[in-house]
Amino acid sequence: MASQRQCLAAMASTALQAAARPRPQMASLPRFLVPSMSLGQQRHASQSSKKEKKKVKHKAFRIYDKANLESYSLCDAMRYLRAVEVGRPPASVSYDIAVKLQTNKDGAVLRDRIRLPYPCNSDFRIAVVCKEDSKVASEARADGAVAVGEETLFAAIKAGDISFNRLLCHVDSVPALMKAGLGPVLGPRGLMPSIKTKTVTNDVRTQMRELAGTANYRERSGVVRMAIGQLNFSPQMVGENIKAFMAQLKRDMREVERQTAKAVDEVVLSTTHGPGFSLNGSFASTDDAVTPAHLSTVM
């Protein structure tokens, strides 16, 4: 027979147990109010009924089918572009050429400088980064440099006073230029001196003469663009510039062919405010009534 103490302990443990909560009747509740767990359905955030589609990344820039593309001779393209630019000052309009390349996205990039047979821009303002009051500074001033020096030139650039469109740097001033931290200012303008662009030199006078009358170009997204002539240029002048530019571009492509294969896909001629016309490589106009002489005068 159990003792009195054991009976009291059993009664106390029974009183401490939580009373069971009544479960709702499933039939009396609407289905949309019933928890999903009660219906035997389990949802997991890590599982998805739809698989995400991976985006296809192309290694090369996209090339479009040109079977139905209409192309034009140089004189025809210039004729239509001059018609678009009627009423505008000829000095404010230039012919631009865009060369589309067949190349990989992560390949070598073409960049160089060329002296065209007929330069498009005669306004060359050259500045030189060199030691203050040095022989190089005096020679640069004598050759027509618009700005010379280190700290004074750096302060003017930081203040936004950029009165030049070409910048050279003497090799002795490269550490000072790097310390000044002008890359974010000069880089977007294409003025940051570098060895690749031959704007860091030991012979400033020779490089100034080489730099005057030249034009820089650089491949971006598989396309090389550059001004190729002014609106008052004759077809012969524009044609000579295009030939010289294409010859230089092909030499650049041969230099990097071991790293990246490149080929010319399309050559497009446009103007400042006009559309682009794909060139077919021919020169004469398809209209016998229009001769190159008609396109050689200012509108």
C-alpha atoms as a PDB file:
ATOM      1  CA  MET A   1       0.000   0.000   0.000  1.00  0.00           C
ATOM      2  CA  ALA A   2       1.457   3.372  -1.081  1.00  0.00           C
ATOM      3  CA  SER A   3       2.498   5.787   1.611  1.00  0.00           C
ATOM      4  CA  GLN A   4       0.804   9.116   2.125  1.00  0.00           C
ATOM      5  CA  ARG A   5       3.886  11.023   0.906  1.00  0.00           C
ATOM      6  CA  GLN A   6       3.902   9.149  -2.422  1.00  0.00           C
ATOM      7  CA  CYS A   7       0.204   9.891  -2.955  1.00  0.00           C
ATOM      8  CA  LEU A   8       0.698  13.635  -2.345  1.00  0.00           C
ATOM      9  CA  ALA A   9       3.660  13.714  -4.795  1.00  0.00           C
ATOM     10  CA  ALA A  10       1.608  12.034  -7.514  1.00  0.00           C
ATOM     11  CA  MET A  11      -1.240  14.526  -7.011  1.00  0.00           C
ATOM     12  CA  ALA A  12       1.173  17.512  -7.208  1.00  0.00           C
ATOM     13  CA  SER A  13       2.780  16.329 -10.476  1.00  0.00           C
ATOM     14  CA  THR A  14      -0.648  15.866 -12.044  1.00  0.00           C
ATOM     15  CA  ALA A  15      -1.665  19.412 -11.109  1.00  0.00           C
ATOM     16  CA  LEU A  16       1.482  20.913 -12.648  1.00  0.00           C
ATOM     17  CA  GLN A  17       0.887  19.380 -16.084  1.00  0.00           C
ATOM     18  CA  ALA A  18      -0.493  21.882 -18.681  1.00  0.00           C
ATOM     19  CA  ALA A  19      -4.022  21.256 -19.674  1.00  0.00           C
ATOM     20  CA  ALA A  20      -4.401  20.047 -23.229  1.00  0.00           C
ATOM     21  CA  ARG A  21      -5.698  22.731 -25.612  1.00  0.00           C
ATOM     22  CA  PRO A  22      -8.752  21.767 -27.583  1.00  0.00           C
ATOM     23  CA  ARG A  23      -7.992  21.234 -31.272  1.00  0.00           C
ATOM     24  CA  PRO A  24     -10.280  22.971 -33.738  1.00  0.00           C
ATOM     25  CA  GLN A  25     -12.506  20.870 -35.861  1.00  0.00           C
ATOM     26  CA  MET A  26     -11.137  20.870 -39.397  1.00  0.00           C
ATOM     27  CA  ALA A  27     -14.546  20.603 -40.953  1.00  0.00           C
ATOM     28  CA  SER A  28     -15.788  23.799 -39.322  1.00  0.00           C
ATOM     29  CA  LEU A  29     -12.912  26.028 -40.604  1.00  0.00           C
ATOM     30  CA  PRO A  30     -12.607  27.378 -44.139  1.00  0.00           C
ATOM     31  CA  ARG A  31      -9.793  25.775 -46.112  1.00  0.00           C
ATOM     32  CA  PHE A  32      -7.920  29.006 -46.646  1.00  0.00           C
ATOM     33  CA  LEU A  33      -7.699  29.503 -42.836  1.00  0.00           C
ATOM     34  CA  VAL A  34      -6.245  26.072 -42.144  1.00  0.00           C
ATOM     35  CA  PRO A  35      -2.457  26.202 -41.614  1.00  0.00           C
ATOM     36  CA  SER A  36      -0.454  24.534 -44.321  1.00  0.00           C
ATOM     37  CA  MET A  37       1.278  22.266 -41.797  1.00  0.00           C
ATOM     38  CA  SER A  38      -2.049  20.743 -40.815  1.00  0.00           C
ATOM     39  CA  LEU A  39      -2.686  19.776 -44.424  1.00  0.00           C
ATOM     40  CA  GLY A  40       0.593  17.925 -44.667  1.00  0.00           C
ATOM     41  CA  GLN A  41       2.171  20.532 -46.966  1.00  0.00           C
ATOM     42  CA  GLN A  42       5.683  21.737 -46.261  1.00  0.00           C
ATOM     43  CA  ARG A  43       7.281  24.689 -48.048  1.00  0.00           C
ATOM     44  CA  HIS A  44      11.016  25.173 -48.287  1.00  0.00           C
ATOM     45  CA  ALA A  45      12.617  28.445 -49.344  1.00  0.00           C
ATOM     46  CA  SER A  46      15.589  26.642 -50.867  1.00  0.00           C
ATOM     47  CA  GLN A  47      13.425  24.693 -53.318  1.00  0.00           C
ATOM     48  CA  SER A  48      11.983  26.332 -56.417  1.00  0.00           C
ATOM     49  CA  SER A  49       9.743  24.881 -59.041  1.00  0.00           C
ATOM     50  CA  LYS A  50      11.329  27.020 -61.764  1.00  0.00           C
ATOM     51  CA  LYS A  51      14.999  26.787 -62.574  1.00  0.00           C
ATOM     52  CA  GLU A  52      16.770  30.050 -63.246  1.00  0.00           C
ATOM     53  CA  LYS A  53      18.055  30.364 -66.778  1.00  0.00           C
ATOM     54  CA  LYS A  54      21.711  31.269 -67.080  1.00  0.00           C
ATOM     55  CA  LYS A  55      22.497  34.178 -69.360  1.00  0.00           C
ATOM     56  CA  VAL A  56      24.665  33.253 -72.295  1.00  0.00           C
ATOM     57  CA  LYS A  57      27.854  35.280 -72.305  1.00  0.00           C
ATOM     58  CA  HIS A  58      29.391  35.799 -75.729  1.00  0.00           C
ATOM     59  CA  LYS A  59      33.170  35.977 -75.912  1.00  0.00           C
ATOM     60  CA  ALA A  60      33.140  38.063 -79.093  1.00  0.00           C
ATOM     61  CA  PHE A  61      31.229  41.207 -79.976  1.00  0.00           C
ATOM     62  CA  ARG A  62      28.018  40.563 -81.873  1.00  0.00           C
ATOM     63  CA  ILE A  63      28.256  40.601 -85.670  1.00  0.00           C
ATOM     64  CA  TYR A  64      25.111  41.181 -87.694  1.00  0.00           C
ATOM     65  CA  ASP A  65      24.231  39.716 -91.052  1.00  0.00           C
ATOM     66  CA  LYS A  66      24.920  42.275 -93.776  1.00  0.00           C
ATOM     67  CA  ALA A  67      23.453  40.367 -96.688  1.00  0.00           C
ATOM     68  CA  ASN A  68      20.619  42.886 -97.039  1.00  0.00           C
ATOM     69  CA  LEU A  69      22.595  45.914 -95.867  1.00  0.00           C
ATOM     70  CA  GLU A  70      22.728  48.745 -98.385  1.00  0.00           C
ATOM     71  CA  SER A  71      26.203  50.185 -98.829  1.00  0.00           C
ATOM     72  CA  TYR A  72      27.322  53.374-100.558  1.00  0.00           C
ATOM     73  CA  SER A  73      30.294  54.753-102.422  1.00  0.00           C
ATOM     74  CA  LEU A  74      32.269  57.556-100.818  1.00  0.00           C
ATOM     75  CA  CYS A  75      30.832  60.263-103.080  1.00  0.00           C
ATOM     76  CA  ASP A  76      27.256  59.053-102.558  1.00  0.00           C
ATOM     77  CA  ALA A  77      27.689  58.999 -98.787  1.00  0.00           C
ATOM     78  CA  MET A  78      29.223  62.487 -98.775  1.00  0.00           C
ATOM     79  CA  ARG A  79      26.432  63.757-101.019  1.00  0.00           C
ATOM     80  CA  TYR A  80      23.693  62.610 -98.626  1.00  0.00           C
ATOM     81  CA  LEU A  81      25.570  63.744 -95.530  1.00  0.00           C
ATOM     82  CA  ARG A  82      26.141  67.215 -96.948  1.00  0.00           C
ATOM     83  CA  ALA A  83      22.409  67.441 -97.630  1.00  0.00           C
ATOM     84  CA  VAL A  84      21.690  66.682 -93.962  1.00  0.00           C
ATOM     85  CA  GLU A  85      24.124  69.373 -92.790  1.00  0.00           C
ATOM     86  CA  VAL A  86      22.700  72.158 -95.001  1.00  0.00           C
ATOM     87  CA  GLY A  87      22.456  75.427 -93.085  1.00  0.00           C
ATOM     88  CA  ARG A  88      25.138  74.634 -90.525  1.00  0.00           C
ATOM     89  CA  PRO A  89      28.513  76.404 -90.400  1.00  0.00           C
ATOM     90  CA  PRO A  90      30.997  74.184 -92.280  1.00  0.00           C
ATOM     91  CA  ALA A  91      33.661  74.689 -89.624  1.00  0.00           C
ATOM     92  CA  SER A  92      31.375  73.172 -86.957  1.00  0.00           C
ATOM     93  CA  VAL A  93      30.760  69.931 -88.887  1.00  0.00           C
ATOM     94  CA  SER A  94      33.231  67.105 -89.435  1.00  0.00           C
ATOM     95  CA  TYR A  95      33.216  63.725 -91.140  1.00  0.00           C
ATOM     96  CA  ASP A  96      33.653  60.827 -88.734  1.00  0.00           C
ATOM     97  CA  ILE A  97      34.614  57.258 -89.532  1.00  0.00           C
ATOM     98  CA  ALA A  98      33.682  54.217 -87.427  1.00  0.00           C
ATOM     99  CA  VAL A  99      35.387  50.889 -88.089  1.00  0.00           C
ATOM    100  CA  LYS A 100      33.539  47.885 -86.670  1.00  0.00           C
ATOM    101  CA  LEU A 101      35.886  44.999 -85.845  1.00  0.00           C
ATOM    102  CA  GLN A 102      35.424  41.271 -85.464  1.00  0.00           C
ATOM    103  CA  THR A 103      37.201  40.677 -82.166  1.00  0.00           C
ATOM    104  CA  ASN A 104      36.866  39.196 -78.686  1.00  0.00           C
ATOM    105  CA  LYS A 105      35.643  41.255 -75.751  1.00  0.00           C
ATOM    106  CA  ASP A 106      38.596  40.407 -73.524  1.00  0.00           C
ATOM    107  CA  GLY A 107      41.256  40.760 -76.225  1.00  0.00           C
ATOM    108  CA  ALA A 108      43.902  43.361 -76.905  1.00  0.00           C
ATOM    109  CA  VAL A 109      42.706  46.916 -77.550  1.00  0.00           C
ATOM    110  CA  LEU A 110      43.942  48.983 -80.491  1.00  0.00           C
ATOM    111  CA  ARG A 111      45.218  52.447 -79.662  1.00  0.00           C
ATOM    112  CA  ASP A 112      47.657  54.620 -81.574  1.00  0.00           C
ATOM    113  CA  ARG A 113      48.288  58.018 -83.083  1.00  0.00           C
ATOM    114  CA  ILE A 114      48.248  58.949 -86.766  1.00  0.00           C
ATOM    115  CA  ARG A 115      49.190  61.914 -88.872  1.00  0.00           C
ATOM    116  CA  LEU A 116      46.571  62.213 -91.589  1.00  0.00           C
ATOM    117  CA  PRO A 117      47.491  63.586 -95.030  1.00  0.00           C
ATOM    118  CA  TYR A 118      44.919  66.343 -94.435  1.00  0.00           C
ATOM    119  CA  PRO A 119      44.632  67.059 -90.681  1.00  0.00           C
ATOM    120  CA  CYS A 120      41.140  67.800 -89.421  1.00  0.00           C
ATOM    121  CA  ASN A 121      42.182  69.938 -86.485  1.00  0.00           C
ATOM    122  CA  SER A 122      44.823  72.635 -86.663  1.00  0.00           C
ATOM    123  CA  ASP A 123      44.235  73.903 -83.125  1.00  0.00           C
ATOM    124  CA  PHE A 124      46.972  72.142 -81.143  1.00  0.00           C
ATOM    125  CA  ARG A 125      47.680  73.470 -77.662  1.00  0.00           C
ATOM    126  CA  ILE A 126      50.433  71.478 -75.990  1.00  0.00           C
ATOM    127  CA  ALA A 127      51.371  71.568 -72.310  1.00  0.00           C
ATOM    128  CA  VAL A 128      54.519  70.007 -70.859  1.00  0.00           C
ATOM    129  CA  VAL A 129      55.038  68.596 -67.376  1.00  0.00           C
ATOM    130  CA  CYS A 130      58.684  69.252 -66.492  1.00  0.00           C
ATOM    131  CA  LYS A 131      60.864  70.769 -63.804  1.00  0.00           C
ATOM    132  CA  GLU A 132      60.301  74.442 -63.118  1.00  0.00           C
ATOM    133  CA  ASP A 133      62.945  76.793 -64.590  1.00  0.00           C
ATOM    134  CA  SER A 134      64.745  73.917 -66.317  1.00  0.00           C
ATOM    135  CA  LYS A 135      66.243  73.805 -69.795  1.00  0.00           C
ATOM    136  CA  VAL A 136      63.389  71.551 -70.910  1.00  0.00           C
ATOM    137  CA  ALA A 137      60.856  74.151 -69.724  1.00  0.00           C
ATOM    138  CA  SER A 138      62.551  76.992 -71.598  1.00  0.00           C
ATOM    139  CA  GLU A 139      62.781  74.918 -74.799  1.00  0.00           C
ATOM    140  CA  ALA A 140      59.107  73.946 -74.520  1.00  0.00           C
ATOM    141  CA  ARG A 141      58.070  77.592 -74.156  1.00  0.00           C
ATOM    142  CA  ALA A 142      60.191  78.517 -77.168  1.00  0.00           C
ATOM    143  CA  ASP A 143      58.473  75.811 -79.232  1.00  0.00           C
ATOM    144  CA  GLY A 144      55.019  77.147 -78.385  1.00  0.00           C
ATOM    145  CA  ALA A 145      53.861  75.221 -75.309  1.00  0.00           C
ATOM    146  CA  VAL A 146      50.873  76.943 -73.704  1.00  0.00           C
ATOM    147  CA  ALA A 147      51.696  75.689 -70.180  1.00  0.00           C
ATOM    148  CA  VAL A 148      54.897  74.402 -68.589  1.00  0.00           C
ATOM    149  CA  GLY A 149      55.840  73.263 -65.085  1.00  0.00           C
ATOM    150  CA  GLU A 150      54.879  70.894 -62.302  1.00  0.00           C
ATOM    151  CA  GLU A 151      53.172  72.321 -59.208  1.00  0.00           C
ATOM    152  CA  THR A 152      51.765  75.380 -60.976  1.00  0.00           C
ATOM    153  CA  LEU A 153      50.462  73.227 -63.832  1.00  0.00           C
ATOM    154  CA  PHE A 154      49.007  70.653 -61.412  1.00  0.00           C
ATOM    155  CA  ALA A 155      47.201  73.393 -59.465  1.00  0.00           C
ATOM    156  CA  ALA A 156      45.712  74.817 -62.661  1.00  0.00           C
ATOM    157  CA  ILE A 157      44.475  71.381 -63.752  1.00  0.00           C
ATOM    158  CA  LYS A 158      42.871  70.709 -60.361  1.00  0.00           C
ATOM    159  CA  ALA A 159      41.163  74.106 -60.574  1.00  0.00           C
ATOM    160  CA  GLY A 160      39.690  73.168 -63.967  1.00  0.00           C
ATOM    161  CA  ASP A 161      41.878  75.571 -65.953  1.00  0.00           C
ATOM    162  CA  ILE A 162      42.778  73.199 -68.798  1.00  0.00           C
ATOM    163  CA  SER A 163      43.848  75.396 -71.709  1.00  0.00           C
ATOM    164  CA  PHE A 164      45.536  72.591 -73.656  1.00  0.00           C
ATOM    165  CA  ASN A 165      44.412  69.583 -75.699  1.00  0.00           C
ATOM    166  CA  ARG A 166      47.744  67.720 -75.659  1.00  0.00           C
ATOM    167  CA  LEU A 167      49.897  66.931 -72.629  1.00  0.00           C
ATOM    168  CA  LEU A 168      53.499  65.718 -72.560  1.00  0.00           C
ATOM    169  CA  CYS A 169      55.512  64.661 -69.533  1.00  0.00           C
ATOM    170  CA  HIS A 170      59.283  64.519 -69.170  1.00  0.00           C
ATOM    171  CA  VAL A 171      60.579  61.274 -67.693  1.00  0.00           C
ATOM    172  CA  ASP A 172      62.058  63.121 -64.695  1.00  0.00           C
ATOM    173  CA  SER A 173      58.612  64.501 -63.786  1.00  0.00           C
ATOM    174  CA  VAL A 174      56.732  61.194 -63.868  1.00  0.00           C
ATOM    175  CA  PRO A 175      56.947  60.655 -60.061  1.00  0.00           C
ATOM    176  CA  ALA A 176      55.559  64.150 -59.433  1.00  0.00           C
ATOM    177  CA  LEU A 177      52.731  63.537 -61.900  1.00  0.00           C
ATOM    178  CA  MET A 178      51.822  60.237 -60.230  1.00  0.00           C
ATOM    179  CA  LYS A 179      51.922  61.865 -56.792  1.00  0.00           C
ATOM    180  CA  ALA A 180      49.581  64.652 -57.926  1.00  0.00           C
ATOM    181  CA  GLY A 181      46.801  62.107 -58.591  1.00  0.00           C
ATOM    182  CA  LEU A 182      45.440  63.737 -61.738  1.00  0.00           C
ATOM    183  CA  GLY A 183      44.294  60.489 -63.359  1.00  0.00           C
ATOM    184  CA  PRO A 184      40.554  61.026 -62.624  1.00  0.00           C
ATOM    185  CA  VAL A 185      40.782  64.494 -64.220  1.00  0.00           C
ATOM    186  CA  LEU A 186      43.023  63.819 -67.220  1.00  0.00           C
ATOM    187  CA  GLY A 187      42.017  60.217 -67.914  1.00  0.00           C
ATOM    188  CA  PRO A 188      38.431  60.832 -69.125  1.00  0.00           C
ATOM    189  CA  ARG A 189      39.727  63.604 -71.398  1.00  0.00           C
ATOM    190  CA  GLY A 190      42.387  61.351 -72.920  1.00  0.00           C
ATOM    191  CA  LEU A 191      45.170  63.633 -71.713  1.00  0.00           C
ATOM    192  CA  MET A 192      46.922  61.436 -69.148  1.00  0.00           C
ATOM    193  CA  PRO A 193      50.539  60.926 -70.314  1.00  0.00           C
ATOM    194  CA  SER A 194      51.683  57.333 -70.678  1.00  0.00           C
ATOM    195  CA  ILE A 195      54.419  55.342 -72.352  1.00  0.00           C
ATOM    196  CA  LYS A 196      51.914  53.548 -74.601  1.00  0.00           C
ATOM    197  CA  THR A 197      50.730  56.794 -76.155  1.00  0.00           C
ATOM    198  CA  LYS A 198      54.352  58.056 -76.381  1.00  0.00           C
ATOM    199  CA  THR A 199      53.480  61.132 -74.317  1.00  0.00           C
ATOM    200  CA  VAL A 200      56.117  60.305 -71.676  1.00  0.00           C
ATOM    201  CA  THR A 201      59.420  61.154 -73.289  1.00  0.00           C
ATOM    202  CA  ASN A 202      62.996  62.183 -72.683  1.00  0.00           C
ATOM    203  CA  ASP A 203      63.092  64.398 -75.787  1.00  0.00           C
ATOM    204  CA  VAL A 204      60.274  66.911 -75.377  1.00  0.00           C
ATOM    205  CA  ARG A 205      61.134  69.075 -78.401  1.00  0.00           C
ATOM    206  CA  THR A 206      61.084  66.172 -80.856  1.00  0.00           C
ATOM    207  CA  GLN A 207      57.895  64.788 -79.381  1.00  0.00           C
ATOM    208  CA  MET A 208      56.153  68.166 -79.551  1.00  0.00           C
ATOM    209  CA  ARG A 209      56.853  68.357 -83.283  1.00  0.00           C
ATOM    210  CA  GLU A 210      55.708  64.765 -83.690  1.00  0.00           C
ATOM    211  CA  LEU A 211      52.540  65.388 -81.690  1.00  0.00           C
ATOM    212  CA  ALA A 212      51.444  68.480 -83.626  1.00  0.00           C
ATOM    213  CA  GLY A 213      49.156  67.581 -86.492  1.00  0.00           C
ATOM    214  CA  THR A 214      48.375  64.072 -85.237  1.00  0.00           C
ATOM    215  CA  ALA A 215      45.121  62.476 -84.101  1.00  0.00           C
ATOM    216  CA  ASN A 216      44.642  59.815 -81.433  1.00  0.00           C
ATOM    217  CA  TYR A 217      42.283  56.869 -81.743  1.00  0.00           C
ATOM    218  CA  ARG A 218      41.337  53.994 -79.449  1.00  0.00           C
ATOM    219  CA  GLU A 219      39.189  50.898 -79.786  1.00  0.00           C
ATOM    220  CA  ARG A 220      36.085  50.865 -77.574  1.00  0.00           C
ATOM    221  CA  SER A 221      33.606  47.976 -77.536  1.00  0.00           C
ATOM    222  CA  GLY A 222      35.032  46.624 -80.778  1.00  0.00           C
ATOM    223  CA  VAL A 223      34.712  49.937 -82.673  1.00  0.00           C
ATOM    224  CA  VAL A 224      37.376  52.495 -83.600  1.00  0.00           C
ATOM    225  CA  ARG A 225      36.043  56.028 -84.192  1.00  0.00           C
ATOM    226  CA  MET A 226      37.900  59.099 -85.359  1.00  0.00           C
ATOM    227  CA  ALA A 227      37.302  62.399 -87.159  1.00  0.00           C
ATOM    228  CA  ILE A 228      38.402  61.926 -90.760  1.00  0.00           C
ATOM    229  CA  GLY A 229      37.734  65.312 -92.371  1.00  0.00           C
ATOM    230  CA  GLN A 230      35.926  68.622 -92.284  1.00  0.00           C
ATOM    231  CA  LEU A 231      32.744  69.364 -94.183  1.00  0.00           C
ATOM    232  CA  ASN A 232      34.599  71.540 -96.696  1.00  0.00           C
ATOM    233  CA  PHE A 233      37.004  68.693 -97.576  1.00  0.00           C
ATOM    234  CA  SER A 234      36.772  67.339-101.107  1.00  0.00           C
ATOM    235  CA  PRO A 235      36.067  63.632-101.714  1.00  0.00           C
ATOM    236  CA  GLN A 236      39.709  63.186-102.710  1.00  0.00           C
ATOM    237  CA  MET A 237      40.877  64.616 -99.381  1.00  0.00           C
ATOM    238  CA  VAL A 238      38.475  62.476 -97.347  1.00  0.00           C
ATOM    239  CA  GLY A 239      39.403  59.419 -99.410  1.00  0.00           C
ATOM    240  CA  GLU A 240      43.134  59.926 -98.811  1.00  0.00           C
ATOM    241  CA  ASN A 241      42.542  60.263 -95.082  1.00  0.00           C
ATOM    242  CA  ILE A 242      40.446  57.090 -94.998  1.00  0.00           C
ATOM    243  CA  LYS A 243      43.112  55.132 -96.900  1.00  0.00           C
ATOM    244  CA  ALA A 244      45.842  56.317 -94.528  1.00  0.00           C
ATOM    245  CA  PHE A 245      43.748  55.523 -91.467  1.00  0.00           C
ATOM    246  CA  MET A 246      42.760  52.038 -92.660  1.00  0.00           C
ATOM    247  CA  ALA A 247      46.385  51.227 -93.533  1.00  0.00           C
ATOM    248  CA  GLN A 248      47.518  52.293 -90.052  1.00  0.00           C
ATOM    249  CA  LEU A 249      44.681  50.337 -88.422  1.00  0.00           C
ATOM    250  CA  LYS A 250      45.609  47.147 -90.295  1.00  0.00           C
ATOM    251  CA  ARG A 251      49.230  47.518 -89.186  1.00  0.00           C
ATOM    252  CA  ASP A 252      48.034  47.780 -85.599  1.00  0.00           C
ATOM    253  CA  MET A 253      45.918  44.652 -86.031  1.00  0.00           C
ATOM    254  CA  ARG A 254      48.901  42.693 -87.341  1.00  0.00           C
ATOM    255  CA  GLU A 255      50.908  43.662 -84.255  1.00  0.00           C
ATOM    256  CA  VAL A 256      48.326  42.169 -81.871  1.00  0.00           C
ATOM    257  CA  GLU A 257      47.187  39.209 -83.996  1.00  0.00           C
ATOM    258  CA  ARG A 258      49.167  36.773 -81.814  1.00  0.00           C
ATOM    259  CA  GLN A 259      47.187  37.932 -78.773  1.00  0.00           C
ATOM    260  CA  THR A 260      43.797  38.627 -80.365  1.00  0.00           C
ATOM    261  CA  ALA A 261      42.542  37.965 -83.875  1.00  0.00           C
ATOM    262  CA  LYS A 262      40.953  41.072 -85.380  1.00  0.00           C
ATOM    263  CA  ALA A 263      39.325  41.733 -88.736  1.00  0.00           C
ATOM    264  CA  VAL A 264      37.464  44.677 -90.272  1.00  0.00           C
ATOM    265  CA  ASP A 265      33.728  43.999 -90.364  1.00  0.00           C
ATOM    266  CA  GLU A 266      32.239  47.330 -91.494  1.00  0.00           C
ATOM    267  CA  VAL A 267      33.312  50.905 -92.236  1.00  0.00           C
ATOM    268  CA  VAL A 268      30.732  53.619 -91.587  1.00  0.00           C
ATOM    269  CA  LEU A 269      30.962  57.291 -92.550  1.00  0.00           C
ATOM    270  CA  SER A 270      28.897  59.902 -90.716  1.00  0.00           C
ATOM    271  CA  THR A 271      28.907  63.589 -89.813  1.00  0.00           C
ATOM    272  CA  THR A 272      28.442  65.504 -86.580  1.00  0.00           C
ATOM    273  CA  HIS A 273      24.640  65.696 -86.927  1.00  0.00           C
ATOM    274  CA  GLY A 274      24.024  63.159 -89.688  1.00  0.00           C
ATOM    275  CA  PRO A 275      23.386  59.415 -89.842  1.00  0.00           C
ATOM    276  CA  GLY A 276      25.912  56.747 -90.717  1.00  0.00           C
ATOM    277  CA  PHE A 277      26.387  55.270 -94.203  1.00  0.00           C
ATOM    278  CA  SER A 278      28.124  51.936 -94.679  1.00  0.00           C
ATOM    279  CA  LEU A 279      30.903  52.260 -97.271  1.00  0.00           C
ATOM    280  CA  ASN A 280      31.450  49.619 -99.951  1.00  0.00           C
ATOM    281  CA  GLY A 281      34.998  50.668-100.843  1.00  0.00           C
ATOM    282  CA  SER A 282      34.185  52.403-104.151  1.00  0.00           C
ATOM    283  CA  PHE A 283      34.763  56.100-104.759  1.00  0.00           C
ATOM    284  CA  ALA A 284      32.698  57.472-107.673  1.00  0.00           C
ATOM    285  CA  SER A 285      29.037  58.423-107.417  1.00  0.00           C
ATOM    286  CA  THR A 286      26.385  56.158-108.894  1.00  0.00           C
ATOM    287  CA  ASP A 287      24.754  59.258-110.400  1.00  0.00           C
ATOM    288  CA  ASP A 288      26.655  60.368-113.507  1.00  0.00           C
ATOM    289  CA  ALA A 289      25.363  63.917-113.051  1.00  0.00           C
ATOM    290  CA  VAL A 290      27.206  64.222-109.721  1.00  0.00           C
ATOM    291  CA  THR A 291      30.999  64.493-109.870  1.00  0.00           C
ATOM    292  CA  PRO A 292      33.574  64.923-107.100  1.00  0.00           C
ATOM    293  CA  ALA A 293      33.891  68.551-108.157  1.00  0.00           C
ATOM    294  CA  HIS A 294      30.292  69.175-107.024  1.00  0.00           C
ATOM    295  CA  LEU A 295      31.244  68.001-103.532  1.00  0.00           C
ATOM    296  CA  SER A 296      34.450  70.033-103.278  1.00  0.00           C
ATOM    297  CA  THR A 297      32.960  73.445-102.537  1.00  0.00           C
ATOM    298  CA  VAL A 298      31.591  74.924 -99.344  1.00  0.00           C
ATOM    299  CA  MET A 299      27.794  74.799 -99.197  1.00  0.00           C
END
